[in-house]
Structure formats: C-alpha cells, structure tokens
C-alpha cells in the first residue's frame, strides 16, 4: 500500500467500523487472523505445534517457539499467561500511513490465530498498551485455556 489515498480510506473505514458494537471488533479480529496466514510466525507456530502435537507441557511448546521465532526478554510466560511486548509497531499498514488505533483490534486477531495454532487450543488476548493509542510500547497478554 503506497498510495496515501488508500491509507486515508482505511483510516475512515476504521473510524466507521469503530461505531459498531462488538461486530466491528469481530470483523477486525477476522482480518487479523487472515493477515497472519501469510506470516512466518504462523508457519512457525504450525511447525512447533506439529513437533509437539503429543506434548501436554505448554512451557516446552512456548520455549520451543520462543527459541526459534522470538527469543527476546520481552516475550515471557508465567503460568497460563504469556506477555508480548514490542517497542515499535510492526504492522505494515501503520508503516504505510494508517493511524487509526482501532486497527489494533486486527493485531489481536493476528495474535489469537498464531497462539491458537501454536498451542492447539483457545486463547484469550488482551491488548494492554498500543503505540497507536499513544503508549510507548505495544503490550499484549495471551491467556491459555487450561485444556489442550
């Protein structure tokens, strides 16, 4: 996306979508899940999941994923909670000029798809901080369901 008009159009679409009830959030979650399908992280989550398909230890699955795909101190797991922190926004739409913070709901859908694929079970994702919302970092917490 290199055309400024496209970024303006997407910002307006996000503004209007934000006026919806939970449907707007569901739409953006679905868009994020779709976006993740082209990512290396989803391919990695599938690979680690396949390697550990009979593994019941979420810590081992997490450590395997972290070692290969995101070995940073800002990616941690304590109990059933994973914390993921970025000090810059990595969304290509933001890099192209989209500035509406409602877009961060897309990122939540992206994260849900990655981690449900990795662990083979439902997860819940909370966006705690967002650069687009004026914070200095993007911070998400991912909660694993106790059943695999």
Foldseek 3Di string as FASTA:
>chain_A
DQDVVVLVVVLVVLVVLVPDDCVSLVVLLVLLLVVLVPDPLLVLLLVLCVVCVVPLDVVVLQVVSCVVPPVDPQWDDDDQKTKHKDQDDPDVSVVNPNQRPSNVSNVQSNVQNSVCSNVVAGKHKDFDDDVSVPDRMTMMMIGGDNDD
